[in-house]
PDB file of N, CA and C in Angstrom:
ATOM      1  N   GLN A   1      90.768  31.626  41.165  1.00  0.00           N
ATOM      2  CA  GLN A   1      90.211  30.469  41.979  1.00  0.00           C
ATOM      3  C   GLN A   1      88.536  30.128  42.285  1.00  0.00           C
ATOM      4  N   VAL A   2      88.034  29.426  42.128  1.00  0.00           N
ATOM      5  CA  VAL A   2      86.497  29.176  42.082  1.00  0.00           C
ATOM      6  C   VAL A   2      86.030  29.182  42.947  1.00  0.00           C
ATOM      7  N   GLN A   3      85.185  29.574  43.592  1.00  0.00           N
ATOM      8  CA  GLN A   3      84.761  29.641  45.207  1.00  0.00           C
ATOM      9  C   GLN A   3      83.239  29.695  45.083  1.00  0.00           C
ATOM     10  N   LEU A   4      82.201  28.772  45.525  1.00  0.00           N
ATOM     11  CA  LEU A   4      80.876  28.825  45.669  1.00  0.00           C
ATOM     12  C   LEU A   4      80.482  28.507  47.364  1.00  0.00           C
ATOM     13  N   VAL A   5      79.718  29.556  47.565  1.00  0.00           N
ATOM     14  CA  VAL A   5      79.127  29.838  48.405  1.00  0.00           C
ATOM     15  C   VAL A   5      77.472  29.562  48.966  1.00  0.00           C
ATOM     16  N   GLU A   6      77.259  28.747  49.336  1.00  0.00           N
ATOM     17  CA  GLU A   6      75.791  28.582  49.807  1.00  0.00           C
ATOM     18  C   GLU A   6      75.300  29.608  50.688  1.00  0.00           C
ATOM     19  N   SER A   7      74.237  29.442  50.879  1.00  0.00           N
ATOM     20  CA  SER A   7      73.400  30.152  51.933  1.00  0.00           C
ATOM     21  C   SER A   7      71.575  29.607  51.687  1.00  0.00           C
ATOM     22  N   GLY A   8      71.136  29.977  52.850  1.00  0.00           N
ATOM     23  CA  GLY A   8      69.546  29.980  53.222  1.00  0.00           C
ATOM     24  C   GLY A   8      69.014  28.837  53.570  1.00  0.00           C
ATOM     25  N   GLY A   9      70.071  27.880  54.080  1.00  0.00           N
ATOM     26  CA  GLY A   9      69.703  27.046  55.044  1.00  0.00           C
ATOM     27  C   GLY A   9      69.241  27.196  56.348  1.00  0.00           C
ATOM     28  N   GLY A  10      68.571  26.671  56.946  1.00  0.00           N
ATOM     29  CA  GLY A  10      67.719  26.756  58.146  1.00  0.00           C
ATOM     30  C   GLY A  10      66.729  25.612  58.600  1.00  0.00           C
ATOM     31  N   LEU A  11      66.163  25.770  59.710  1.00  0.00           N
ATOM     32  CA  LEU A  11      65.124  24.958  60.136  1.00  0.00           C
ATOM     33  C   LEU A  11      63.706  25.175  60.541  1.00  0.00           C
ATOM     34  N   VAL A  12      62.892  24.561  59.490  1.00  0.00           N
ATOM     35  CA  VAL A  12      61.865  24.284  58.874  1.00  0.00           C
ATOM     36  C   VAL A  12      60.884  23.316  59.027  1.00  0.00           C
ATOM     37  N   GLN A  13      59.415  23.327  59.937  1.00  0.00           N
ATOM     38  CA  GLN A  13      58.690  22.317  59.621  1.00  0.00           C
ATOM     39  C   GLN A  13      58.148  21.554  58.374  1.00  0.00           C
ATOM     40  N   ALA A  14      58.009  20.469  58.645  1.00  0.00           N
ATOM     41  CA  ALA A  14      57.626  19.467  57.631  1.00  0.00           C
ATOM     42  C   ALA A  14      56.144  20.398  56.824  1.00  0.00           C
ATOM     43  N   GLY A  15      56.626  20.175  55.652  1.00  0.00           N
ATOM     44  CA  GLY A  15      55.693  21.198  54.612  1.00  0.00           C
ATOM     45  C   GLY A  15      55.892  22.142  54.089  1.00  0.00           C
ATOM     46  N   GLY A  16      57.097  22.944  54.960  1.00  0.00           N
ATOM     47  CA  GLY A  16      57.319  23.781  55.009  1.00  0.00           C
ATOM     48  C   GLY A  16      58.142  24.076  53.754  1.00  0.00           C
ATOM     49  N   SER A  17      58.714  25.481  53.225  1.00  0.00           N
ATOM     50  CA  SER A  17      59.808  25.844  52.168  1.00  0.00           C
ATOM     51  C   SER A  17      60.876  26.174  52.530  1.00  0.00           C
ATOM     52  N   LEU A  18      62.401  25.990  51.737  1.00  0.00           N
ATOM     53  CA  LEU A  18      63.388  27.050  51.888  1.00  0.00           C
ATOM     54  C   LEU A  18      63.362  27.168  50.430  1.00  0.00           C
ATOM     55  N   ARG A  19      64.377  27.766  50.418  1.00  0.00           N
ATOM     56  CA  ARG A  19      65.174  28.506  49.188  1.00  0.00           C
ATOM     57  C   ARG A  19      66.766  28.536  49.170  1.00  0.00           C
ATOM     58  N   LEU A  20      67.370  27.678  48.475  1.00  0.00           N
ATOM     59  CA  LEU A  20      68.998  27.425  48.959  1.00  0.00           C
ATOM     60  C   LEU A  20      69.290  28.336  47.647  1.00  0.00           C
ATOM     61  N   SER A  21      70.528  29.332  47.710  1.00  0.00           N
ATOM     62  CA  SER A  21      71.306  29.947  46.774  1.00  0.00           C
ATOM     63  C   SER A  21      72.893  29.205  47.035  1.00  0.00           C
ATOM     64  N   CYS A  22      73.554  29.362  45.737  1.00  0.00           N
ATOM     65  CA  CYS A  22      75.064  29.383  45.654  1.00  0.00           C
ATOM     66  C   CYS A  22      75.445  30.180  44.790  1.00  0.00           C
ATOM     67  N   VAL A  23      76.656  31.053  45.390  1.00  0.00           N
ATOM     68  CA  VAL A  23      77.034  32.185  44.383  1.00  0.00           C
ATOM     69  C   VAL A  23      78.392  31.988  44.026  1.00  0.00           C
ATOM     70  N   ALA A  24      78.742  32.032  42.521  1.00  0.00           N
ATOM     71  CA  ALA A  24      80.186  31.239  42.643  1.00  0.00           C
ATOM     72  C   ALA A  24      81.021  32.869  42.268  1.00  0.00           C
ATOM     73  N   SER A  25      82.064  32.546  42.838  1.00  0.00           N
ATOM     74  CA  SER A  25      83.132  33.730  42.388  1.00  0.00           C
ATOM     75  C   SER A  25      84.108  33.384  41.941  1.00  0.00           C
ATOM     76  N   GLY A  26      85.154  33.974  41.081  1.00  0.00           N
ATOM     77  CA  GLY A  26      86.512  33.771  40.296  1.00  0.00           C
ATOM     78  C   GLY A  26      86.379  32.868  39.056  1.00  0.00           C
ATOM     79  N   SER A  27      84.902  32.942  38.595  1.00  0.00           N
ATOM     80  CA  SER A  27      84.487  32.807  37.323  1.00  0.00           C
ATOM     81  C   SER A  27      82.807  32.445  36.952  1.00  0.00           C
ATOM     82  N   THR A  28      82.290  32.169  36.142  1.00  0.00           N
ATOM     83  CA  THR A  28      80.601  32.109  35.825  1.00  0.00           C
ATOM     84  C   THR A  28      80.458  30.973  35.933  1.00  0.00           C
ATOM     85  N   PHE A  29      79.155  30.750  35.761  1.00  0.00           N
ATOM     86  CA  PHE A  29      78.237  29.282  35.830  1.00  0.00           C
ATOM     87  C   PHE A  29      78.218  28.951  34.524  1.00  0.00           C
ATOM     88  N   SER A  30      78.715  29.967  33.383  1.00  0.00           N
ATOM     89  CA  SER A  30      78.101  29.782  32.069  1.00  0.00           C
ATOM     90  C   SER A  30      79.221  28.467  31.713  1.00  0.00           C
ATOM     91  N   GLY A  31      78.542  27.067  30.787  1.00  0.00           N
ATOM     92  CA  GLY A  31      79.505  26.425  30.404  1.00  0.00           C
ATOM     93  C   GLY A  31      79.776  25.553  31.089  1.00  0.00           C
ATOM     94  N   SER A  32      78.959  25.563  32.334  1.00  0.00           N
ATOM     95  CA  SER A  32      79.407  24.474  33.936  1.00  0.00           C
ATOM     96  C   SER A  32      77.761  23.743  33.540  1.00  0.00           C
ATOM     97  N   VAL A  33      78.048  22.776  34.834  1.00  0.00           N
ATOM     98  CA  VAL A  33      77.023  21.775  34.755  1.00  0.00           C
ATOM     99  C   VAL A  33      77.119  22.335  36.361  1.00  0.00           C
ATOM    100  N   THR A  34      76.100  22.699  36.877  1.00  0.00           N
ATOM    101  CA  THR A  34      76.047  23.236  38.776  1.00  0.00           C
ATOM    102  C   THR A  34      74.897  21.991  39.121  1.00  0.00           C
ATOM    103  N   ALA A  35      75.384  21.631  40.613  1.00  0.00           N
ATOM    104  CA  ALA A  35      74.542  20.409  41.151  1.00  0.00           C
ATOM    105  C   ALA A  35      74.333  20.877  42.500  1.00  0.00           C
ATOM    106  N   TRP A  36      73.427  20.224  43.280  1.00  0.00           N
ATOM    107  CA  TRP A  36      73.241  20.441  44.798  1.00  0.00           C
ATOM    108  C   TRP A  36      73.153  18.761  45.511  1.00  0.00           C
ATOM    109  N   PHE A  37      74.172  18.716  45.830  1.00  0.00           N
ATOM    110  CA  PHE A  37      74.511  17.482  46.749  1.00  0.00           C
ATOM    111  C   PHE A  37      74.370  17.551  48.277  1.00  0.00           C
ATOM    112  N   ARG A  38      73.610  16.088  49.218  1.00  0.00           N
ATOM    113  CA  ARG A  38      73.414  16.855  50.625  1.00  0.00           C
ATOM    114  C   ARG A  38      73.851  14.960  51.011  1.00  0.00           C
ATOM    115  N   GLN A  39      73.991  15.578  52.034  1.00  0.00           N
ATOM    116  CA  GLN A  39      74.186  14.333  53.237  1.00  0.00           C
ATOM    117  C   GLN A  39      74.259  14.516  54.413  1.00  0.00           C
ATOM    118  N   GLY A  40      72.856  13.823  54.953  1.00  0.00           N
ATOM    119  CA  GLY A  40      72.534  13.110  55.985  1.00  0.00           C
ATOM    120  C   GLY A  40      73.461  12.748  57.290  1.00  0.00           C
ATOM    121  N   SER A  41      73.446  13.264  58.862  1.00  0.00           N
ATOM    122  CA  SER A  41      74.458  12.506  59.447  1.00  0.00           C
ATOM    123  C   SER A  41      74.402  11.283  59.431  1.00  0.00           C
ATOM    124  N   GLY A  42      75.417  10.588  59.580  1.00  0.00           N
ATOM    125  CA  GLY A  42      75.530   9.047  58.803  1.00  0.00           C
ATOM    126  C   GLY A  42      75.108   8.331  57.812  1.00  0.00           C
ATOM    127  N   LYS A  43      74.863   9.318  57.110  1.00  0.00           N
ATOM    128  CA  LYS A  43      74.592   8.876  55.350  1.00  0.00           C
ATOM    129  C   LYS A  43      75.451   9.318  54.387  1.00  0.00           C
ATOM    130  N   GLU A  44      75.600   8.620  53.503  1.00  0.00           N
ATOM    131  CA  GLU A  44      76.034   9.105  52.082  1.00  0.00           C
ATOM    132  C   GLU A  44      75.814  10.011  51.602  1.00  0.00           C
ATOM    133  N   ARG A  45      76.810  11.023  51.201  1.00  0.00           N
ATOM    134  CA  ARG A  45      76.363  12.062  50.308  1.00  0.00           C
ATOM    135  C   ARG A  45      75.247  11.588  49.071  1.00  0.00           C
ATOM    136  N   GLU A  46      74.873  12.491  48.597  1.00  0.00           N
ATOM    137  CA  GLU A  46      73.583  11.890  47.633  1.00  0.00           C
ATOM    138  C   GLU A  46      73.277  13.002  46.354  1.00  0.00           C
ATOM    139  N   PHE A  47      73.029  12.707  45.624  1.00  0.00           N
ATOM    140  CA  PHE A  47      72.536  13.747  44.582  1.00  0.00           C
ATOM    141  C   PHE A  47      71.366  14.258  44.812  1.00  0.00           C
ATOM    142  N   VAL A  48      71.153  15.324  44.592  1.00  0.00           N
ATOM    143  CA  VAL A  48      69.789  16.281  44.708  1.00  0.00           C
ATOM    144  C   VAL A  48      69.233  16.835  43.158  1.00  0.00           C
ATOM    145  N   ALA A  49      70.191  17.272  42.707  1.00  0.00           N
ATOM    146  CA  ALA A  49      69.507  18.337  41.942  1.00  0.00           C
ATOM    147  C   ALA A  49      70.946  18.667  40.496  1.00  0.00           C
ATOM    148  N   ALA A  50      70.833  18.733  39.451  1.00  0.00           N
ATOM    149  CA  ALA A  50      71.922  19.493  38.980  1.00  0.00           C
ATOM    150  C   ALA A  50      70.709  20.320  37.455  1.00  0.00           C
ATOM    151  N   LEU A  51      71.766  21.099  37.384  1.00  0.00           N
ATOM    152  CA  LEU A  51      71.245  22.067  36.262  1.00  0.00           C
ATOM    153  C   LEU A  51      72.562  22.086  34.814  1.00  0.00           C
ATOM    154  N   ASN A  52      71.952  22.381  33.958  1.00  0.00           N
ATOM    155  CA  ASN A  52      73.287  22.443  32.588  1.00  0.00           C
ATOM    156  C   ASN A  52      72.829  23.694  32.257  1.00  0.00           C
ATOM    157  N   TRP A  53      73.861  24.795  32.620  1.00  0.00           N
ATOM    158  CA  TRP A  53      73.846  26.045  31.847  1.00  0.00           C
ATOM    159  C   TRP A  53      73.630  25.696  30.628  1.00  0.00           C
ATOM    160  N   ASN A  54      74.746  25.284  29.761  1.00  0.00           N
ATOM    161  CA  ASN A  54      74.392  25.460  28.506  1.00  0.00           C
ATOM    162  C   ASN A  54      72.797  24.776  27.701  1.00  0.00           C
ATOM    163  N   SER A  55      72.393  23.914  27.818  1.00  0.00           N
ATOM    164  CA  SER A  55      70.860  23.467  27.296  1.00  0.00           C
ATOM    165  C   SER A  55      69.891  23.665  28.204  1.00  0.00           C
ATOM    166  N   GLY A  56      70.095  24.216  29.428  1.00  0.00           N
ATOM    167  CA  GLY A  56      68.988  24.787  30.521  1.00  0.00           C
ATOM    168  C   GLY A  56      68.168  23.167  30.944  1.00  0.00           C
ATOM    169  N   ARG A  57      69.026  22.389  30.753  1.00  0.00           N
ATOM    170  CA  ARG A  57      68.102  21.550  31.091  1.00  0.00           C
ATOM    171  C   ARG A  57      68.552  20.907  32.604  1.00  0.00           C
ATOM    172  N   SER A  58      67.428  20.150  33.384  1.00  0.00           N
ATOM    173  CA  SER A  58      67.442  20.038  35.214  1.00  0.00           C
ATOM    174  C   SER A  58      67.328  18.187  35.595  1.00  0.00           C
ATOM    175  N   TYR A  59      68.097  18.336  35.965  1.00  0.00           N
ATOM    176  CA  TYR A  59      67.961  16.821  36.413  1.00  0.00           C
ATOM    177  C   TYR A  59      67.856  16.268  38.525  1.00  0.00           C
ATOM    178  N   TYR A  60      66.870  15.663  38.547  1.00  0.00           N
ATOM    179  CA  TYR A  60      66.588  15.790  39.930  1.00  0.00           C
ATOM    180  C   TYR A  60      66.405  14.195  39.840  1.00  0.00           C
ATOM    181  N   THR A  61      66.994  13.497  41.672  1.00  0.00           N
ATOM    182  CA  THR A  61      66.809  12.152  41.993  1.00  0.00           C
ATOM    183  C   THR A  61      65.175  12.083  42.625  1.00  0.00           C
ATOM    184  N   ALA A  62      64.820  11.131  42.054  1.00  0.00           N
ATOM    185  CA  ALA A  62      63.220  10.575  42.319  1.00  0.00           C
ATOM    186  C   ALA A  62      62.819  11.274  43.508  1.00  0.00           C
ATOM    187  N   THR A  63      63.622  11.442  44.799  1.00  0.00           N
ATOM    188  CA  THR A  63      62.738  11.776  45.751  1.00  0.00           C
ATOM    189  C   THR A  63      62.620  13.179  46.169  1.00  0.00           C
ATOM    190  N   VAL A  64      63.198  13.872  45.460  1.00  0.00           N
ATOM    191  CA  VAL A  64      62.700  15.576  45.567  1.00  0.00           C
ATOM    192  C   VAL A  64      61.824  15.545  44.117  1.00  0.00           C
ATOM    193  N   ASP A  65      62.325  15.007  42.926  1.00  0.00           N
ATOM    194  CA  ASP A  65      61.847  15.443  41.918  1.00  0.00           C
ATOM    195  C   ASP A  65      59.897  16.044  42.181  1.00  0.00           C
ATOM    196  N   GLY A  66      59.465  17.205  41.671  1.00  0.00           N
ATOM    197  CA  GLY A  66      58.118  17.181  42.083  1.00  0.00           C
ATOM    198  C   GLY A  66      58.401  17.979  42.902  1.00  0.00           C
ATOM    199  N   ARG A  67      59.159  18.258  44.293  1.00  0.00           N
ATOM    200  CA  ARG A  67      59.028  19.156  45.463  1.00  0.00           C
ATOM    201  C   ARG A  67      60.164  20.121  44.955  1.00  0.00           C
ATOM    202  N   PHE A  68      61.320  19.927  44.826  1.00  0.00           N
ATOM    203  CA  PHE A  68      62.517  20.601  44.368  1.00  0.00           C
ATOM    204  C   PHE A  68      62.503  20.953  43.025  1.00  0.00           C
ATOM    205  N   THR A  69      63.062  22.519  43.029  1.00  0.00           N
ATOM    206  CA  THR A  69      63.370  22.798  41.764  1.00  0.00           C
ATOM    207  C   THR A  69      64.925  23.909  41.638  1.00  0.00           C
ATOM    208  N   ILE A  70      65.453  23.601  41.109  1.00  0.00           N
ATOM    209  CA  ILE A  70      67.081  23.541  40.799  1.00  0.00           C
ATOM    210  C   ILE A  70      66.829  25.015  39.808  1.00  0.00           C
ATOM    211  N   SER A  71      67.288  26.438  39.532  1.00  0.00           N
ATOM    212  CA  SER A  71      67.213  27.466  38.508  1.00  0.00           C
ATOM    213  C   SER A  71      68.564  28.551  38.697  1.00  0.00           C
ATOM    214  N   GLY A  72      68.786  29.169  37.577  1.00  0.00           N
ATOM    215  CA  GLY A  72      69.986  29.476  37.818  1.00  0.00           C
ATOM    216  C   GLY A  72      69.869  31.358  37.169  1.00  0.00           C
ATOM    217  N   ASP A  73      70.859  32.045  37.795  1.00  0.00           N
ATOM    218  CA  ASP A  73      70.491  33.494  37.137  1.00  0.00           C
ATOM    219  C   ASP A  73      72.110  33.868  37.187  1.00  0.00           C
ATOM    220  N   ASN A  74      72.117  33.908  35.679  1.00  0.00           N
ATOM    221  CA  ASN A  74      73.038  34.300  35.362  1.00  0.00           C
ATOM    222  C   ASN A  74      73.767  35.496  35.421  1.00  0.00           C
ATOM    223  N   ALA A  75      73.093  36.418  35.155  1.00  0.00           N
ATOM    224  CA  ALA A  75      73.530  38.163  36.024  1.00  0.00           C
ATOM    225  C   ALA A  75      73.914  38.029  37.369  1.00  0.00           C
ATOM    226  N   LYS A  76      73.320  37.165  38.506  1.00  0.00           N
ATOM    227  CA  LYS A  76      74.121  37.301  39.336  1.00  0.00           C
ATOM    228  C   LYS A  76      74.781  36.037  39.921  1.00  0.00           C
ATOM    229  N   ASN A  77      75.336  35.423  38.767  1.00  0.00           N
ATOM    230  CA  ASN A  77      75.720  33.872  38.647  1.00  0.00           C
ATOM    231  C   ASN A  77      75.578  33.103  40.232  1.00  0.00           C
ATOM    232  N   THR A  78      74.582  32.738  40.318  1.00  0.00           N
ATOM    233  CA  THR A  78      73.628  32.590  40.977  1.00  0.00           C
ATOM    234  C   THR A  78      73.262  30.968  40.759  1.00  0.00           C
ATOM    235  N   VAL A  79      72.888  29.967  41.766  1.00  0.00           N
ATOM    236  CA  VAL A  79      71.791  29.121  41.083  1.00  0.00           C
ATOM    237  C   VAL A  79      71.474  28.717  42.488  1.00  0.00           C
ATOM    238  N   TYR A  80      70.260  28.243  42.596  1.00  0.00           N
ATOM    239  CA  TYR A  80      68.932  28.711  43.538  1.00  0.00           C
ATOM    240  C   TYR A  80      68.463  26.814  43.647  1.00  0.00           C
ATOM    241  N   LEU A  81      68.233  26.132  45.110  1.00  0.00           N
ATOM    242  CA  LEU A  81      67.615  25.368  44.491  1.00  0.00           C
ATOM    243  C   LEU A  81      65.947  25.540  45.713  1.00  0.00           C
ATOM    244  N   GLN A  82      65.046  25.614  45.302  1.00  0.00           N
ATOM    245  CA  GLN A  82      63.602  25.868  45.877  1.00  0.00           C
ATOM    246  C   GLN A  82      62.940  24.851  46.276  1.00  0.00           C
ATOM    247  N   MET A  83      63.290  24.505  47.237  1.00  0.00           N
ATOM    248  CA  MET A  83      62.362  23.439  48.193  1.00  0.00           C
ATOM    249  C   MET A  83      61.367  23.749  48.977  1.00  0.00           C
ATOM    250  N   SER A  84      60.174  22.467  48.407  1.00  0.00           N
ATOM    251  CA  SER A  84      58.715  22.545  48.926  1.00  0.00           C
ATOM    252  C   SER A  84      58.494  20.996  49.183  1.00  0.00           C
ATOM    253  N   SER A  85      57.407  21.068  50.247  1.00  0.00           N
ATOM    254  CA  SER A  85      57.161  20.569  50.561  1.00  0.00           C
ATOM    255  C   SER A  85      57.800  19.189  51.718  1.00  0.00           C
ATOM    256  N   LEU A  86      58.656  19.840  52.454  1.00  0.00           N
ATOM    257  CA  LEU A  86      59.934  19.337  52.917  1.00  0.00           C
ATOM    258  C   LEU A  86      59.747  18.124  54.192  1.00  0.00           C
ATOM    259  N   LYS A  87      60.280  17.511  53.945  1.00  0.00           N
ATOM    260  CA  LYS A  87      59.929  16.294  54.803  1.00  0.00           C
ATOM    261  C   LYS A  87      61.189  15.905  56.065  1.00  0.00           C
ATOM    262  N   PRO A  88      60.923  15.587  57.196  1.00  0.00           N
ATOM    263  CA  PRO A  88      62.339  15.068  58.278  1.00  0.00           C
ATOM    264  C   PRO A  88      62.952  14.600  56.912  1.00  0.00           C
ATOM    265  N   GLU A  89      63.164  13.575  56.257  1.00  0.00           N
ATOM    266  CA  GLU A  89      64.030  12.880  55.625  1.00  0.00           C
ATOM    267  C   GLU A  89      64.664  13.643  54.777  1.00  0.00           C
ATOM    268  N   ASP A  90      64.479  15.153  54.535  1.00  0.00           N
ATOM    269  CA  ASP A  90      65.927  16.052  54.051  1.00  0.00           C
ATOM    270  C   ASP A  90      66.511  16.366  54.606  1.00  0.00           C
ATOM    271  N   THR A  91      66.097  16.167  55.948  1.00  0.00           N
ATOM    272  CA  THR A  91      67.717  16.814  57.053  1.00  0.00           C
ATOM    273  C   THR A  91      69.069  16.535  55.993  1.00  0.00           C
ATOM    274  N   ALA A  92      69.571  17.135  56.109  1.00  0.00           N
ATOM    275  CA  ALA A  92      70.719  16.924  55.761  1.00  0.00           C
ATOM    276  C   ALA A  92      71.793  18.817  55.385  1.00  0.00           C
ATOM    277  N   VAL A  93      73.089  18.370  55.492  1.00  0.00           N
ATOM    278  CA  VAL A  93      73.907  19.337  54.836  1.00  0.00           C
ATOM    279  C   VAL A  93      73.744  19.526  53.337  1.00  0.00           C
ATOM    280  N   TYR A  94      73.493  20.277  52.724  1.00  0.00           N
ATOM    281  CA  TYR A  94      73.455  20.773  51.313  1.00  0.00           C
ATOM    282  C   TYR A  94      74.634  21.576  50.781  1.00  0.00           C
ATOM    283  N   SER A  95      75.140  20.874  50.049  1.00  0.00           N
ATOM    284  CA  SER A  95      76.162  21.661  49.084  1.00  0.00           C
ATOM    285  C   SER A  95      76.163  21.660  47.328  1.00  0.00           C
ATOM    286  N   CYS A  96      76.348  22.883  47.409  1.00  0.00           N
ATOM    287  CA  CYS A  96      76.699  22.370  45.524  1.00  0.00           C
ATOM    288  C   CYS A  96      77.761  22.498  45.248  1.00  0.00           C
ATOM    289  N   ALA A  97      77.866  22.296  44.047  1.00  0.00           N
ATOM    290  CA  ALA A  97      79.119  21.683  43.136  1.00  0.00           C
ATOM    291  C   ALA A  97      79.310  22.162  41.666  1.00  0.00           C
ATOM    292  N   ALA A  98      80.116  22.404  40.790  1.00  0.00           N
ATOM    293  CA  ALA A  98      80.040  23.254  39.728  1.00  0.00           C
ATOM    294  C   ALA A  98      81.372  22.260  38.829  1.00  0.00           C
ATOM    295  N   ALA A  99      80.939  21.559  37.829  1.00  0.00           N
ATOM    296  CA  ALA A  99      82.035  21.538  36.723  1.00  0.00           C
ATOM    297  C   ALA A  99      81.961  22.102  35.604  1.00  0.00           C
ATOM    298  N   ALA A 100      82.863  21.650  34.517  1.00  0.00           N
ATOM    299  CA  ALA A 100      82.825  22.314  33.528  1.00  0.00           C
ATOM    300  C   ALA A 100      81.962  21.119  32.481  1.00  0.00           C
ATOM    301  N   THR A 101      81.124  21.634  31.491  1.00  0.00           N
ATOM    302  CA  THR A 101      80.877  20.667  30.747  1.00  0.00           C
ATOM    303  C   THR A 101      81.403  19.695  29.920  1.00  0.00           C
ATOM    304  N   ARG A 102      81.110  18.818  29.827  1.00  0.00           N
ATOM    305  CA  ARG A 102      81.935  17.743  29.405  1.00  0.00           C
ATOM    306  C   ARG A 102      80.728  16.415  28.638  1.00  0.00           C
ATOM    307  N   TRP A 103      81.400  16.181  27.151  1.00  0.00           N
ATOM    308  CA  TRP A 103      80.395  14.908  26.269  1.00  0.00           C
ATOM    309  C   TRP A 103      80.699  13.464  27.633  1.00  0.00           C
ATOM    310  N   GLY A 104      79.326  13.348  28.009  1.00  0.00           N
ATOM    311  CA  GLY A 104      79.225  11.699  28.521  1.00  0.00           C
ATOM    312  C   GLY A 104      79.281  12.063  30.308  1.00  0.00           C
ATOM    313  N   MET A 105      79.613  13.263  30.621  1.00  0.00           N
ATOM    314  CA  MET A 105      79.301  13.566  31.735  1.00  0.00           C
ATOM    315  C   MET A 105      78.183  12.829  32.626  1.00  0.00           C
ATOM    316  N   ASP A 106      78.611  12.447  33.938  1.00  0.00           N
ATOM    317  CA  ASP A 106      77.443  11.742  34.757  1.00  0.00           C
ATOM    318  C   ASP A 106      77.222  12.618  35.449  1.00  0.00           C
ATOM    319  N   ASN A 107      76.183  13.643  35.360  1.00  0.00           N
ATOM    320  CA  ASN A 107      75.438  14.728  36.579  1.00  0.00           C
ATOM    321  C   ASN A 107      75.062  14.103  37.623  1.00  0.00           C
ATOM    322  N   MET A 108      75.066  12.850  37.973  1.00  0.00           N
ATOM    323  CA  MET A 108      74.947  12.567  39.518  1.00  0.00           C
ATOM    324  C   MET A 108      76.053  12.351  39.764  1.00  0.00           C
ATOM    325  N   ASN A 109      77.307  12.228  39.149  1.00  0.00           N
ATOM    326  CA  ASN A 109      77.944  11.505  39.602  1.00  0.00           C
ATOM    327  C   ASN A 109      78.679  12.893  41.033  1.00  0.00           C
ATOM    328  N   ALA A 110      78.945  12.493  41.604  1.00  0.00           N
ATOM    329  CA  ALA A 110      80.043  13.387  42.513  1.00  0.00           C
ATOM    330  C   ALA A 110      81.073  13.587  42.363  1.00  0.00           C
ATOM    331  N   HIS A 111      82.003  12.642  42.012  1.00  0.00           N
ATOM    332  CA  HIS A 111      83.447  12.883  41.671  1.00  0.00           C
ATOM    333  C   HIS A 111      83.463  13.458  40.386  1.00  0.00           C
ATOM    334  N   GLU A 112      82.153  14.202  39.815  1.00  0.00           N
ATOM    335  CA  GLU A 112      82.628  14.987  38.351  1.00  0.00           C
ATOM    336  C   GLU A 112      82.606  16.615  37.983  1.00  0.00           C
ATOM    337  N   TYR A 113      82.478  16.933  39.848  1.00  0.00           N
ATOM    338  CA  TYR A 113      82.690  17.691  40.181  1.00  0.00           C
ATOM    339  C   TYR A 113      84.091  18.160  40.791  1.00  0.00           C
ATOM    340  N   GLN A 114      84.629  19.304  40.519  1.00  0.00           N
ATOM    341  CA  GLN A 114      85.491  19.963  40.566  1.00  0.00           C
ATOM    342  C   GLN A 114      85.433  20.980  41.649  1.00  0.00           C
ATOM    343  N   TYR A 115      84.616  21.672  41.820  1.00  0.00           N
ATOM    344  CA  TYR A 115      84.480  22.975  42.908  1.00  0.00           C
ATOM    345  C   TYR A 115      83.095  22.697  43.805  1.00  0.00           C
ATOM    346  N   TRP A 116      83.408  22.894  44.648  1.00  0.00           N
ATOM    347  CA  TRP A 116      82.480  22.958  46.158  1.00  0.00           C
ATOM    348  C   TRP A 116      82.517  24.047  46.823  1.00  0.00           C
ATOM    349  N   GLY A 117      81.168  23.890  47.368  1.00  0.00           N
ATOM    350  CA  GLY A 117      80.532  25.039  48.576  1.00  0.00           C
ATOM    351  C   GLY A 117      81.082  24.615  49.840  1.00  0.00           C
ATOM    352  N   GLN A 118      81.059  24.840  50.942  1.00  0.00           N
ATOM    353  CA  GLN A 118      81.346  24.694  52.113  1.00  0.00           C
ATOM    354  C   GLN A 118      79.925  23.901  53.402  1.00  0.00           C
ATOM    355  N   GLY A 119      79.015  24.257  51.685  1.00  0.00           N
ATOM    356  CA  GLY A 119      77.625  23.259  52.975  1.00  0.00           C
ATOM    357  C   GLY A 119      76.858  24.431  53.828  1.00  0.00           C
ATOM    358  N   THR A 120      75.473  23.851  53.518  1.00  0.00           N
ATOM    359  CA  THR A 120      74.149  25.113  54.651  1.00  0.00           C
ATOM    360  C   THR A 120      73.414  23.723  55.174  1.00  0.00           C
ATOM    361  N   GLN A 121      73.185  24.201  55.916  1.00  0.00           N
ATOM    362  CA  GLN A 121      72.721  22.871  56.555  1.00  0.00           C
ATOM    363  C   GLN A 121      71.365  23.350  56.898  1.00  0.00           C
ATOM    364  N   VAL A 122      70.093  22.755  56.315  1.00  0.00           N
ATOM    365  CA  VAL A 122      68.656  22.217  56.087  1.00  0.00           C
ATOM    366  C   VAL A 122      67.880  21.308  57.446  1.00  0.00           C
ATOM    367  N   THR A 123      67.658  21.788  58.184  1.00  0.00           N
ATOM    368  CA  THR A 123      66.661  20.918  59.236  1.00  0.00           C
ATOM    369  C   THR A 123      65.288  21.113  58.810  1.00  0.00           C
ATOM    370  N   VAL A 124      64.328  19.862  59.147  1.00  0.00           N
ATOM    371  CA  VAL A 124      62.981  19.890  58.729  1.00  0.00           C
ATOM    372  C   VAL A 124      62.447  19.261  59.798  1.00  0.00           C
ATOM    373  N   SER A 125      61.653  19.684  61.120  1.00  0.00           N
ATOM    374  CA  SER A 125      61.402  18.738  62.002  1.00  0.00           C
ATOM    375  C   SER A 125      59.958  18.443  62.062  1.00  0.00           C
ATOM    376  N   SER A 126      59.334  17.156  62.270  1.00  0.00           N
ATOM    377  CA  SER A 126      57.956  16.734  62.291  1.00  0.00           C
ATOM    378  C   SER A 126      57.335  17.252  63.104  1.00  0.00           C
TER     379      SER A 126
END
């Protein structure tokens, strides 16, 4: 049974930084794509960033590109989301997700991911 547990959320002022962590148990991230999604209050869930552990490539939605960085630590079986220059519109519950890599996978589509964490709240005050 694969479990993902996020941590690192909290309250931060606009312009500040936070680092989210997602630890996997029951399996490793090797051979997977791991992503961060977020859902603001009253909004639909949206893709934030993804990391392909095989290729090392990362993907970002346009609204966070240049401000957020996704990275992984194989030894710790952990994926991180470093968030900088945070804006009030970044306020959301952030969830990590994982899926086995497959040809033609749409990394930005939540339906591609089989495993999800419970989420961690990020609140950015103006």
